[in-house]
């Protein structure tokens, strides 16, 4: 009997297009591969935001775009790794992608191609220019057949460096295109740095003097529709750089909402959440929860939900521990955290979402109808006593338990502190009194031109006590309302003809230029 052969590990190489740099425009398959790959070999032109999608255990190598990678991809795959080669745009639009694919096939490794949105397809839509058909796509370079390009039917879509746009416009006029033909020039397309100028072939050289880098140029009458359809750069907070001072694991929802309005969120943790110094009170409370000590549990923050959940899991318990117990949440965000855990709260204020609002709807203890008179109140070590005192006034016995401690985070990098104090941020969002105090403590006071927004009255009061001028207060005390209120303020500023801080930092071309 012949000895068994050792099977070689099976690897795979996926050539993935990263599109134009917006992670939201990646194919779902591209995101899956980035999250699960053993090795990502990324072109140096790939946006950092896309590289953040790589898994925690994924090795990321950034390589020179001019160097072939085929041999290295094959070698890694032969060790059994899942390898992702990441290109800007689409793998088969760039020459390197074709060469790498041929090397993988020659090396007898499994090959997968994941297309990416090329700039000529994606960017015009973000500039509000419906290219339509027929269309001609070309890169401006030496030897281009300008006579053929100028006479092509339909719309022209040109890829060029800004310095080449004027040359292209002159060549098109020389070969028969009318000088008044509309032109859109977009740089940084689909990213937070996108800038679009609307001009004509004869005027474009003058109008784009403030733009730089790689440009996507559309030539044709369809450009006229950009005034009405240019949605991306018309968003309320477009281009605003907004500081988000929150705990790191809570910033996601807030940052996503800001991006939806066109802002560039910069997350600066000001609070670190740590377990209580003495675990015994929480452990006794969890035991009481299971044994029927409480009629109610009152949650005043998502951190409190997380702390109780983690303590239950530590003891091998889950949401079933709340069977027979009524649950209250101070607001929608806290209620959602409970729902995510499988618990539907019985009481959430429909009016003011605060401790005061919760107390207004909390019924007094009734010894006839309430079999138990005790409430479990897990909260932060620095929480105010408003809810505690109010419940006791309503006749309830309260186990006030420190579920977590909030401590001041480490100072942010020097450049962030300098930007905050020097007017480098358009807005700062304060989501609690502690974020106000801690941000000032670790980074200093924001510049006078910076728009400050507070999540509620108590946060507003704390900011004013520290000498800060608050411009916006959320319509409801939750993070989504805070962002919506800031966006409404920005639109009102625009309607009043006021320049946003970002506009004061970056002047835009005025002559025949429509910015979005």
Protein backbone atom coordinates (compact mmCIF):
# COMPACT_ATOMS: atom_id res chain seq x y z
CA UNK A 1 0.00 0.00 0.00
CA UNK A 2 1.48 3.31 -1.07
CA UNK A 3 1.87 6.04 1.54
CA UNK A 4 -0.82 8.71 1.59
CA UNK A 5 0.12 11.95 -0.10
CA UNK A 6 -0.02 15.18 1.85
CA UNK A 7 -2.66 17.40 0.30
CA UNK A 8 -1.51 20.89 -0.54
CA UNK A 9 -3.54 23.71 1.03
CA UNK A 10 -6.02 25.31 -1.36
CA UNK A 11 -5.67 29.05 -1.75
CA UNK A 12 -7.44 31.66 -3.81
CA UNK A 13 -6.67 35.00 -5.43
CA UNK A 14 -9.46 37.56 -5.84
CA UNK A 15 -8.79 40.62 -7.97
CA UNK A 16 -11.09 43.25 -6.52
CA UNK A 17 -12.04 46.68 -7.82
CA UNK A 18 -12.24 49.34 -5.11
CA UNK A 19 -14.19 51.71 -7.34
CA UNK A 20 -13.84 55.42 -6.76
CA UNK A 21 -12.94 55.38 -3.07
CA UNK A 22 -16.38 55.42 -1.43
CA UNK A 23 -16.72 52.26 0.71
CA UNK A 24 -20.48 52.43 0.24
CA UNK A 25 -20.08 51.80 -3.48
CA UNK A 26 -18.14 48.56 -3.10
CA UNK A 27 -19.74 45.37 -4.34
CA UNK A 28 -21.06 43.22 -1.48
CA UNK A 29 -18.70 40.46 -2.58
CA UNK A 30 -15.76 42.86 -2.35
CA UNK A 31 -16.65 43.74 1.25
CA UNK A 32 -17.03 40.05 2.14
CA UNK A 33 -13.62 39.20 0.73
CA UNK A 34 -11.91 42.11 2.50
CA UNK A 35 -13.41 41.00 5.83
CA UNK A 36 -12.35 37.36 5.47
CA UNK A 37 -9.09 37.52 3.50
CA UNK A 38 -5.80 36.35 4.98
CA UNK A 39 -3.85 38.88 2.92
CA UNK A 40 -4.86 42.12 1.16
CA UNK A 41 -2.40 43.54 -1.35
CA UNK A 42 -3.60 47.09 -1.94
CA UNK A 43 -2.59 49.62 -4.54
CA UNK A 44 -1.14 52.73 -2.94
CA UNK A 45 -3.99 54.79 -4.41
CA UNK A 46 -6.66 52.94 -2.41
CA UNK A 47 -8.55 55.12 0.07
CA UNK A 48 -7.81 54.46 3.74
CA UNK A 49 -11.54 54.12 4.47
CA UNK A 50 -11.69 51.03 2.26
CA UNK A 51 -8.67 49.42 3.93
CA UNK A 52 -10.50 49.75 7.25
CA UNK A 53 -12.92 47.09 5.98
CA UNK A 54 -10.19 44.47 6.22
CA UNK A 55 -10.72 41.89 8.96
CA UNK A 56 -8.98 42.15 12.33
CA UNK A 57 -6.68 39.27 11.45
CA UNK A 58 -6.10 40.28 7.85
CA UNK A 59 -2.61 41.32 6.85
CA UNK A 60 -2.67 44.47 4.68
CA UNK A 61 0.22 45.30 2.36
CA UNK A 62 0.26 48.60 0.46
CA UNK A 63 2.33 48.32 -2.72
CA UNK A 64 3.67 50.56 -5.45
CA UNK A 65 1.18 50.66 -8.31
CA UNK A 66 3.97 50.43 -10.87
CA UNK A 67 5.31 47.09 -9.63
CA UNK A 68 3.75 43.78 -10.84
CA UNK A 69 2.34 41.62 -8.07
CA UNK A 70 1.38 38.43 -9.92
CA UNK A 71 4.24 36.27 -8.60
CA UNK A 72 3.66 37.38 -5.00
CA UNK A 73 -0.08 36.67 -5.27
CA UNK A 74 0.55 33.17 -6.58
CA UNK A 75 3.14 32.45 -3.88
CA UNK A 76 0.76 33.50 -1.10
CA UNK A 77 -2.12 31.48 -2.55
CA UNK A 78 0.06 28.36 -2.72
CA UNK A 79 0.35 28.49 1.08
CA UNK A 80 -3.43 28.18 1.34
CA UNK A 81 -4.19 31.84 1.93
CA UNK A 82 -7.18 33.77 0.62
CA UNK A 83 -5.51 36.70 -1.12
CA UNK A 84 -7.20 39.90 -2.26
CA UNK A 85 -5.50 42.19 -4.76
CA UNK A 86 -7.17 45.58 -4.49
CA UNK A 87 -7.14 48.06 -7.40
CA UNK A 88 -8.67 51.51 -7.87
CA UNK A 89 -11.64 51.40 -10.22
CA UNK A 90 -12.05 48.00 -11.91
CA UNK A 91 -9.43 45.22 -12.15
CA UNK A 92 -9.82 44.81 -15.91
CA UNK A 93 -9.79 48.53 -16.65
CA UNK A 94 -6.21 48.86 -15.38
CA UNK A 95 -3.45 46.98 -17.22
CA UNK A 96 -1.99 45.55 -14.00
CA UNK A 97 -5.22 43.67 -13.32
CA UNK A 98 -5.02 41.77 -16.58
CA UNK A 99 -1.35 40.89 -16.01
CA UNK A 100 -2.07 39.69 -12.46
CA UNK A 101 -4.99 37.57 -13.67
CA UNK A 102 -2.79 35.91 -16.28
CA UNK A 103 -0.12 35.19 -13.65
CA UNK A 104 -2.67 33.56 -11.33
CA UNK A 105 -4.04 31.35 -14.11
CA UNK A 106 -0.52 30.39 -15.16
CA UNK A 107 0.28 29.55 -11.53
CA UNK A 108 -2.76 27.23 -11.44
CA UNK A 109 -4.43 29.02 -8.53
CA UNK A 110 -8.15 29.70 -8.15
CA UNK A 111 -9.06 33.08 -9.59
CA UNK A 112 -12.01 35.37 -8.85
CA UNK A 113 -12.72 38.77 -10.38
CA UNK A 114 -14.88 41.28 -8.48
CA UNK A 115 -15.68 44.32 -10.63
CA UNK A 116 -15.54 47.84 -9.22
CA UNK A 117 -17.37 50.95 -10.32
CA UNK A 118 -15.05 52.88 -12.67
CA UNK A 119 -14.99 56.66 -12.31
CA UNK A 120 -16.56 57.32 -15.74
CA UNK A 121 -19.62 55.36 -14.61
CA UNK A 122 -19.94 56.49 -10.98
CA UNK A 123 -18.73 60.09 -10.85
CA UNK A 124 -21.15 61.73 -13.30
CA UNK A 125 -24.08 60.45 -11.24
CA UNK A 126 -22.61 62.00 -8.11
CA UNK A 127 -22.15 65.28 -10.02
CA UNK A 128 -25.78 65.21 -11.18
CA UNK A 129 -24.85 64.67 -14.84
CA UNK A 130 -26.97 61.99 -16.58
CA UNK A 131 -24.49 60.87 -19.22
CA UNK A 132 -26.89 58.55 -21.02
CA UNK A 133 -26.21 56.91 -24.38
CA UNK A 134 -24.47 57.13 -26.76
CA UNK A 135 -21.33 58.15 -25.00
CA UNK A 136 -17.60 58.04 -25.64
CA UNK A 137 -15.13 57.41 -22.82
CA UNK A 138 -11.44 58.23 -23.24
CA UNK A 139 -8.36 59.10 -21.23
CA UNK A 140 -6.57 62.27 -22.23
CA UNK A 141 -3.07 61.29 -23.33
CA UNK A 142 -0.56 61.90 -26.09
CA UNK A 143 -1.65 60.57 -29.46
CA UNK A 144 -5.38 60.69 -28.74
CA UNK A 145 -7.49 60.94 -31.92
CA UNK A 146 -9.06 64.31 -31.20
CA UNK A 147 -10.76 64.47 -34.58
CA UNK A 148 -12.50 61.19 -33.92
CA UNK A 149 -13.33 62.11 -30.31
CA UNK A 150 -14.78 65.51 -31.29
CA UNK A 151 -16.99 64.02 -34.00
CA UNK A 152 -18.27 61.12 -31.86
CA UNK A 153 -22.03 61.20 -31.29
CA UNK A 154 -23.52 61.81 -27.85
CA UNK A 155 -21.70 62.76 -24.67
CA UNK A 156 -17.95 62.73 -24.08
CA UNK A 157 -16.53 61.45 -20.78
CA UNK A 158 -12.84 62.22 -20.38
CA UNK A 159 -10.38 61.19 -17.67
CA UNK A 160 -7.58 63.70 -17.24
CA UNK A 161 -5.32 65.50 -14.85
CA UNK A 162 -6.52 69.03 -14.14
CA UNK A 163 -3.55 70.41 -16.04
CA UNK A 164 -4.72 68.55 -19.16
CA UNK A 165 -8.32 69.81 -19.17
CA UNK A 166 -7.58 73.10 -20.91
CA UNK A 167 -5.59 71.27 -23.60
CA UNK A 168 -8.49 68.89 -24.16
CA UNK A 169 -11.01 71.75 -24.40
CA UNK A 170 -8.87 73.55 -26.97
CA UNK A 171 -8.45 70.38 -29.00
CA UNK A 172 -12.21 69.75 -29.05
CA UNK A 173 -12.94 73.32 -30.20
CA UNK A 174 -10.22 73.04 -32.85
CA UNK A 175 -11.83 69.87 -34.21
CA UNK A 176 -15.35 71.19 -34.43
CA UNK A 177 -17.02 71.26 -31.02
CA UNK A 178 -18.77 74.56 -30.25
CA UNK A 179 -16.95 76.79 -27.77
CA UNK A 180 -20.18 77.20 -25.74
CA UNK A 181 -20.60 73.44 -25.23
CA UNK A 182 -21.32 72.78 -21.52
CA UNK A 183 -18.61 71.06 -19.49
CA UNK A 184 -18.53 69.62 -15.97
CA UNK A 185 -15.23 69.00 -14.23
CA UNK A 186 -15.24 66.88 -11.06
CA UNK A 187 -12.32 66.04 -8.80
CA UNK A 188 -12.47 63.67 -5.81
CA UNK A 189 -15.62 62.15 -7.25
CA UNK A 190 -17.92 60.20 -4.86
CA UNK A 191 -15.73 61.07 -1.85
CA UNK A 192 -16.00 63.77 0.81
CA UNK A 193 -13.50 65.79 -1.24
CA UNK A 194 -15.67 65.95 -4.35
CA UNK A 195 -15.74 69.32 -6.11
CA UNK A 196 -17.63 70.02 -9.33
CA UNK A 197 -17.36 73.05 -11.60
CA UNK A 198 -19.84 73.70 -14.40
CA UNK A 199 -18.41 75.69 -17.30
CA UNK A 200 -18.03 75.68 -21.10
CA UNK A 201 -15.23 74.58 -23.38
CA UNK A 202 -14.13 78.18 -23.93
CA UNK A 203 -14.19 79.16 -20.23
CA UNK A 204 -13.17 75.98 -18.45
CA UNK A 205 -9.46 76.83 -18.20
CA UNK A 206 -10.28 79.94 -16.16
CA UNK A 207 -12.99 78.32 -14.04
CA UNK A 208 -11.01 75.34 -12.71
CA UNK A 209 -7.94 77.16 -11.39
CA UNK A 210 -8.78 76.13 -7.79
CA UNK A 211 -9.12 72.41 -8.59
CA UNK A 212 -6.30 69.88 -8.52
CA UNK A 213 -5.66 66.21 -9.13
CA UNK A 214 -7.37 63.62 -11.30
CA UNK A 215 -10.52 64.95 -12.99
CA UNK A 216 -13.58 63.43 -14.61
CA UNK A 217 -14.79 65.69 -17.43
CA UNK A 218 -18.18 65.45 -19.10
CA UNK A 219 -18.77 67.38 -22.35
CA UNK A 220 -22.24 67.81 -23.80
CA UNK A 221 -25.70 69.27 -23.31
CA UNK A 222 -26.50 66.76 -20.53
CA UNK A 223 -24.30 68.88 -18.26
CA UNK A 224 -27.10 71.47 -18.17
CA UNK A 225 -29.14 69.13 -15.96
CA UNK A 226 -26.53 69.27 -13.21
CA UNK A 227 -28.05 72.46 -11.78
CA UNK A 228 -31.18 70.52 -10.78
CA UNK A 229 -29.77 67.03 -10.29
CA UNK A 230 -26.52 67.77 -8.47
CA UNK A 231 -27.55 66.14 -5.18
CA UNK A 232 -24.22 65.09 -3.67
CA UNK A 233 -22.65 68.49 -3.07
CA UNK A 234 -26.01 70.06 -2.18
CA UNK A 235 -26.39 68.14 1.08
CA UNK A 236 -26.80 70.26 4.18
CA UNK A 237 -23.44 69.50 5.80
CA UNK A 238 -21.45 68.84 2.62
CA UNK A 239 -17.75 69.30 3.28
CA UNK A 240 -18.22 70.10 6.98
CA UNK A 241 -15.57 68.62 9.23
CA UNK A 242 -17.38 67.62 12.44
CA UNK A 243 -15.77 66.49 15.68
CA UNK A 244 -17.61 63.61 17.33
CA UNK A 245 -16.62 63.36 21.02
CA UNK A 246 -18.00 60.00 22.13
CA UNK A 247 -16.90 56.66 23.44
CA UNK A 248 -15.30 54.79 20.54
CA UNK A 249 -17.89 52.01 20.40
CA UNK A 250 -20.80 54.49 20.31
CA UNK A 251 -19.61 56.80 17.52
CA UNK A 252 -20.74 54.61 14.61
CA UNK A 253 -24.40 55.66 14.46
CA UNK A 254 -23.60 59.33 14.87
CA UNK A 255 -20.82 59.30 12.26
CA UNK A 256 -23.00 57.43 9.77
CA UNK A 257 -25.76 60.02 10.16
CA UNK A 258 -23.26 62.83 9.60
CA UNK A 259 -21.91 61.17 6.45
CA UNK A 260 -25.47 60.90 5.17
CA UNK A 261 -25.66 64.70 5.24
CA UNK A 262 -22.26 65.07 3.55
CA UNK A 263 -20.13 65.78 6.62
CA UNK A 264 -16.69 64.38 7.41
CA UNK A 265 -16.86 63.02 10.97
CA UNK A 266 -13.70 62.93 13.07
CA UNK A 267 -14.15 60.66 16.07
CA UNK A 268 -12.35 61.78 19.21
CA UNK A 269 -13.08 59.57 22.22
CA UNK A 270 -13.44 61.73 25.32
CA UNK A 271 -14.88 59.07 27.59
CA UNK A 272 -13.61 55.61 28.37
CA UNK A 273 -16.14 53.21 29.90
CA UNK A 274 -14.72 50.87 32.56
CA UNK A 275 -16.23 48.32 34.95
CA UNK A 276 -17.10 49.45 38.49
CA UNK A 277 -14.26 49.27 40.98
CA UNK A 278 -16.28 46.89 43.15
CA UNK A 279 -18.22 44.22 41.22
CA UNK A 280 -20.18 42.93 44.24
CA UNK A 281 -23.16 45.37 44.01
CA UNK A 282 -23.76 44.48 40.33
CA UNK A 283 -23.45 40.78 41.10
CA UNK A 284 -26.03 41.06 43.93
CA UNK A 285 -28.35 43.02 41.64
CA UNK A 286 -28.12 40.41 38.88
CA UNK A 287 -28.91 37.70 41.43
CA UNK A 288 -31.88 39.76 42.59
CA UNK A 289 -33.05 40.14 39.00
CA UNK A 290 -33.15 36.38 38.61
CA UNK A 291 -34.73 35.63 42.01
CA UNK A 292 -37.60 38.11 41.68
CA UNK A 293 -36.37 40.98 43.85
CA UNK A 294 -37.41 43.67 41.35
CA UNK A 295 -40.62 44.71 39.64
CA UNK A 296 -38.83 47.23 37.39
CA UNK A 297 -35.41 47.75 35.81
CA UNK A 298 -34.75 51.32 34.62
CA UNK A 299 -32.12 51.90 31.93
CA UNK A 300 -30.86 55.44 31.39
CA UNK A 301 -28.21 54.77 28.71
CA UNK A 302 -27.04 52.27 26.14
CA UNK A 303 -23.92 51.79 28.26
CA UNK A 304 -26.10 50.59 31.14
CA UNK A 305 -27.78 48.07 28.82
CA UNK A 306 -24.38 46.84 27.69
CA UNK A 307 -23.06 46.56 31.26
CA UNK A 308 -26.04 44.51 32.45
CA UNK A 309 -25.94 42.32 29.36
CA UNK A 310 -22.23 41.58 29.83
CA UNK A 311 -22.74 40.75 33.51
CA UNK A 312 -25.60 38.37 32.67
CA UNK A 313 -23.45 36.64 30.03
CA UNK A 314 -20.63 36.39 32.55
CA UNK A 315 -22.96 34.23 34.66
CA UNK A 316 -24.18 32.22 31.68
CA UNK A 317 -27.53 34.04 31.54
CA UNK A 318 -29.39 35.80 28.74
CA UNK A 319 -32.45 37.98 28.15
CA UNK A 320 -34.70 35.36 29.75
CA UNK A 321 -33.46 36.67 33.10
CA UNK A 322 -35.91 39.57 32.59
CA UNK A 323 -38.95 37.26 32.58
CA UNK A 324 -41.63 38.76 34.81
CA UNK A 325 -39.75 42.05 35.18
CA UNK A 326 -40.92 45.35 33.69
CA UNK A 327 -38.31 47.38 31.82
CA UNK A 328 -38.10 51.15 31.31
CA UNK A 329 -35.83 53.03 28.90
CA UNK A 330 -35.03 56.72 29.07
CA UNK A 331 -35.18 57.20 25.28
CA UNK A 332 -35.32 55.66 21.83
CA UNK A 333 -31.59 54.84 21.60
CA UNK A 334 -31.66 52.97 24.90
CA UNK A 335 -34.88 51.23 23.89
CA UNK A 336 -33.25 50.10 20.65
CA UNK A 337 -30.29 48.66 22.56
CA UNK A 338 -32.77 46.64 24.63
CA UNK A 339 -34.63 45.48 21.52
CA UNK A 340 -31.32 44.36 20.02
CA UNK A 341 -30.95 42.15 23.10
CA UNK A 342 -34.45 40.74 22.68
CA UNK A 343 -36.16 42.85 25.36
CA UNK A 344 -39.12 45.11 24.59
CA UNK A 345 -39.38 47.88 27.19
CA UNK A 346 -42.79 48.56 28.72
CA UNK A 347 -42.07 52.23 29.31
CA UNK A 348 -40.34 54.76 27.02
CA UNK A 349 -41.20 58.46 27.35
CA UNK A 350 -43.25 59.74 24.43
CA UNK A 351 -42.43 63.32 25.33
CA UNK A 352 -39.12 64.56 26.67
CA UNK A 353 -36.58 61.75 26.55
CA UNK A 354 -34.75 62.35 29.80
CA UNK A 355 -34.93 61.35 33.43
CA UNK A 356 -37.52 64.07 33.95
CA UNK A 357 -39.56 62.80 31.01
CA UNK A 358 -39.41 59.24 32.33
CA UNK A 359 -40.58 60.34 35.77
CA UNK A 360 -43.55 62.19 34.28
CA UNK A 361 -44.88 58.89 32.90
CA UNK A 362 -43.85 56.59 35.77
CA UNK A 363 -46.78 55.63 37.99
CA UNK A 364 -46.49 55.85 41.78
CA UNK A 365 -46.09 52.64 43.76
CA UNK A 366 -49.46 51.07 44.54
CA UNK A 367 -49.38 48.45 47.29
CA UNK A 368 -52.54 46.86 45.91
CA UNK A 369 -51.56 46.48 42.26
CA UNK A 370 -47.76 46.34 42.55
CA UNK A 371 -46.63 43.04 44.12
CA UNK A 372 -43.07 44.31 44.54
CA UNK A 373 -41.95 47.81 45.42
CA UNK A 374 -38.33 47.69 44.26
CA UNK A 375 -36.56 49.10 41.15
CA UNK A 376 -33.12 48.13 39.87
CA UNK A 377 -31.34 51.25 38.56
CA UNK A 378 -28.01 50.38 36.84
CA UNK A 379 -26.15 53.51 35.79
CA UNK A 380 -22.89 55.41 35.58
CA UNK A 381 -20.90 56.43 38.61
CA UNK A 382 -21.30 60.10 37.70
CA UNK A 383 -25.02 60.02 36.87
CA UNK A 384 -27.25 62.68 38.40
CA UNK A 385 -29.74 61.76 41.13
CA UNK A 386 -32.82 63.11 39.31
CA UNK A 387 -34.34 59.73 38.51
CA UNK A 388 -33.30 58.18 41.84
CA UNK A 389 -34.92 60.96 43.88
CA UNK A 390 -38.02 61.04 41.70
CA UNK A 391 -38.67 57.31 42.00
CA UNK A 392 -38.33 57.47 45.77
CA UNK A 393 -40.82 60.34 45.88
CA UNK A 394 -43.21 58.09 43.95
CA UNK A 395 -42.92 55.52 46.72
CA UNK A 396 -40.50 53.08 45.14
CA UNK A 397 -37.51 51.45 46.81
CA UNK A 398 -34.49 51.79 44.51
CA UNK A 399 -31.30 49.75 44.30
CA UNK A 400 -29.00 52.39 42.83
CA UNK A 401 -26.09 50.36 41.41
CA UNK A 402 -22.96 51.57 39.63
CA UNK A 403 -22.97 49.46 36.46
CA UNK A 404 -20.00 51.20 34.86
CA UNK A 405 -17.57 54.03 35.40
CA UNK A 406 -16.87 56.85 32.94
CA UNK A 407 -13.32 58.13 32.96
CA UNK A 408 -11.61 60.76 30.89
CA UNK A 409 -9.97 59.40 27.76
CA UNK A 410 -6.39 60.13 26.73
CA UNK A 411 -5.79 63.43 24.85
CA UNK A 412 -6.20 63.24 21.06
CA UNK A 413 -3.19 63.82 18.74
CA UNK A 414 -1.62 67.27 18.72
CA UNK A 415 -2.95 68.06 15.23
CA UNK A 416 -6.51 67.40 16.41
CA UNK A 417 -6.10 69.67 19.42
CA UNK A 418 -4.62 72.40 17.22
CA UNK A 419 -7.45 72.05 14.70
CA UNK A 420 -10.06 72.31 17.46
CA UNK A 421 -8.59 75.47 18.94
CA UNK A 422 -7.64 76.99 15.58
CA UNK A 423 -10.96 76.70 13.75
CA UNK A 424 -10.16 73.52 11.83
CA UNK A 425 -13.54 71.98 12.66
CA UNK A 426 -16.82 73.28 11.29
CA UNK A 427 -18.85 71.84 14.16
CA UNK A 428 -18.57 69.91 17.43
CA UNK A 429 -21.38 67.68 18.68
CA UNK A 430 -21.80 67.32 22.44
CA UNK A 431 -23.79 64.22 23.41
CA UNK A 432 -23.62 64.59 27.20
CA UNK A 433 -22.34 66.89 29.90
CA UNK A 434 -19.34 64.64 30.41
CA UNK A 435 -18.33 64.93 26.74
CA UNK A 436 -18.31 68.71 27.15
CA UNK A 437 -16.17 68.65 30.27
CA UNK A 438 -13.83 65.95 29.02
CA UNK A 439 -13.28 67.45 25.57
CA UNK A 440 -12.35 70.80 27.08
CA UNK A 441 -10.13 68.99 29.58
CA UNK A 442 -8.19 66.89 27.07
CA UNK A 443 -8.20 69.13 23.99
CA UNK A 444 -9.17 72.70 24.95
CA UNK A 445 -12.08 74.93 23.96
CA UNK A 446 -13.32 74.99 20.35
CA UNK A 447 -12.62 78.09 18.24
CA UNK A 448 -15.23 80.86 18.32
CA UNK A 449 -16.18 80.24 14.67
CA UNK A 450 -16.99 76.56 15.28
CA UNK A 451 -20.68 75.61 15.42
CA UNK A 452 -21.46 73.87 18.72
CA UNK A 453 -24.45 71.53 19.07
CA UNK A 454 -25.79 70.03 22.31
CA UNK A 455 -28.03 66.99 22.69
CA UNK A 456 -30.23 68.48 25.40
CA UNK A 457 -30.80 71.14 28.08
CA UNK A 458 -28.43 69.67 30.66
CA UNK A 459 -25.61 69.41 28.11
CA UNK A 460 -26.35 72.98 27.01
CA UNK A 461 -26.14 74.16 30.63
CA UNK A 462 -22.78 72.46 31.16
CA UNK A 463 -21.36 74.00 27.98
CA UNK A 464 -22.51 77.48 29.00
CA UNK A 465 -21.02 77.03 32.47
CA UNK A 466 -17.67 76.40 30.76
CA UNK A 467 -18.03 79.59 28.72
CA UNK A 468 -19.00 77.96 25.42
CA UNK A 469 -21.56 79.39 23.00
CA UNK A 470 -23.98 76.70 21.86
CA UNK A 471 -25.62 77.33 18.48
CA UNK A 472 -27.83 74.24 18.15
CA UNK A 473 -29.84 72.16 20.63
CA UNK A 474 -31.34 68.87 19.43
CA UNK A 475 -35.11 68.79 18.97
CA UNK A 476 -35.08 65.48 20.90
CA UNK A 477 -32.31 64.19 23.17
CA UNK A 478 -30.94 61.49 20.86
CA UNK A 479 -28.01 61.43 18.46
CA UNK A 480 -30.03 61.25 15.24
CA UNK A 481 -32.08 64.30 16.25
CA UNK A 482 -28.82 66.06 17.12
CA UNK A 483 -27.50 65.51 13.59
CA UNK A 484 -30.82 66.50 12.01
CA UNK A 485 -30.87 69.71 14.06
CA UNK A 486 -27.33 70.56 12.96
CA UNK A 487 -28.27 69.91 9.33
CA UNK A 488 -31.33 72.17 9.66
CA UNK A 489 -29.12 74.90 11.14
CA UNK A 490 -26.72 74.59 8.20
CA UNK A 491 -29.57 74.91 5.70
CA UNK A 492 -30.84 78.00 7.51
CA UNK A 493 -27.36 79.50 7.35
CA UNK A 494 -27.31 78.82 3.62
CA UNK A 495 -30.75 80.42 3.18
CA UNK A 496 -29.54 83.51 5.08
CA UNK A 497 -26.51 83.80 2.82
CA UNK A 498 -24.11 82.97 5.65
CA UNK A 499 -20.89 81.17 4.86
CA UNK A 500 -20.32 77.90 6.63
CA UNK A 501 -16.97 77.54 8.39
CA UNK A 502 -15.80 75.15 5.65
CA UNK A 503 -16.63 77.70 2.97
CA UNK A 504 -14.59 80.34 4.79
CA UNK A 505 -11.62 77.98 4.82
CA UNK A 506 -11.92 77.09 1.15
CA UNK A 507 -12.92 79.75 -1.34
CA UNK A 508 -14.53 78.44 -4.48
CA UNK A 509 -14.40 79.74 -8.08
CA UNK A 510 -17.09 82.29 -8.72
CA UNK A 511 -17.20 82.83 -12.49
CA UNK A 512 -19.75 80.50 -14.07
CA UNK A 513 -19.03 77.86 -11.46
CA UNK A 514 -21.81 75.96 -9.76
CA UNK A 515 -20.52 74.05 -6.76
CA UNK A 516 -22.27 71.01 -5.33
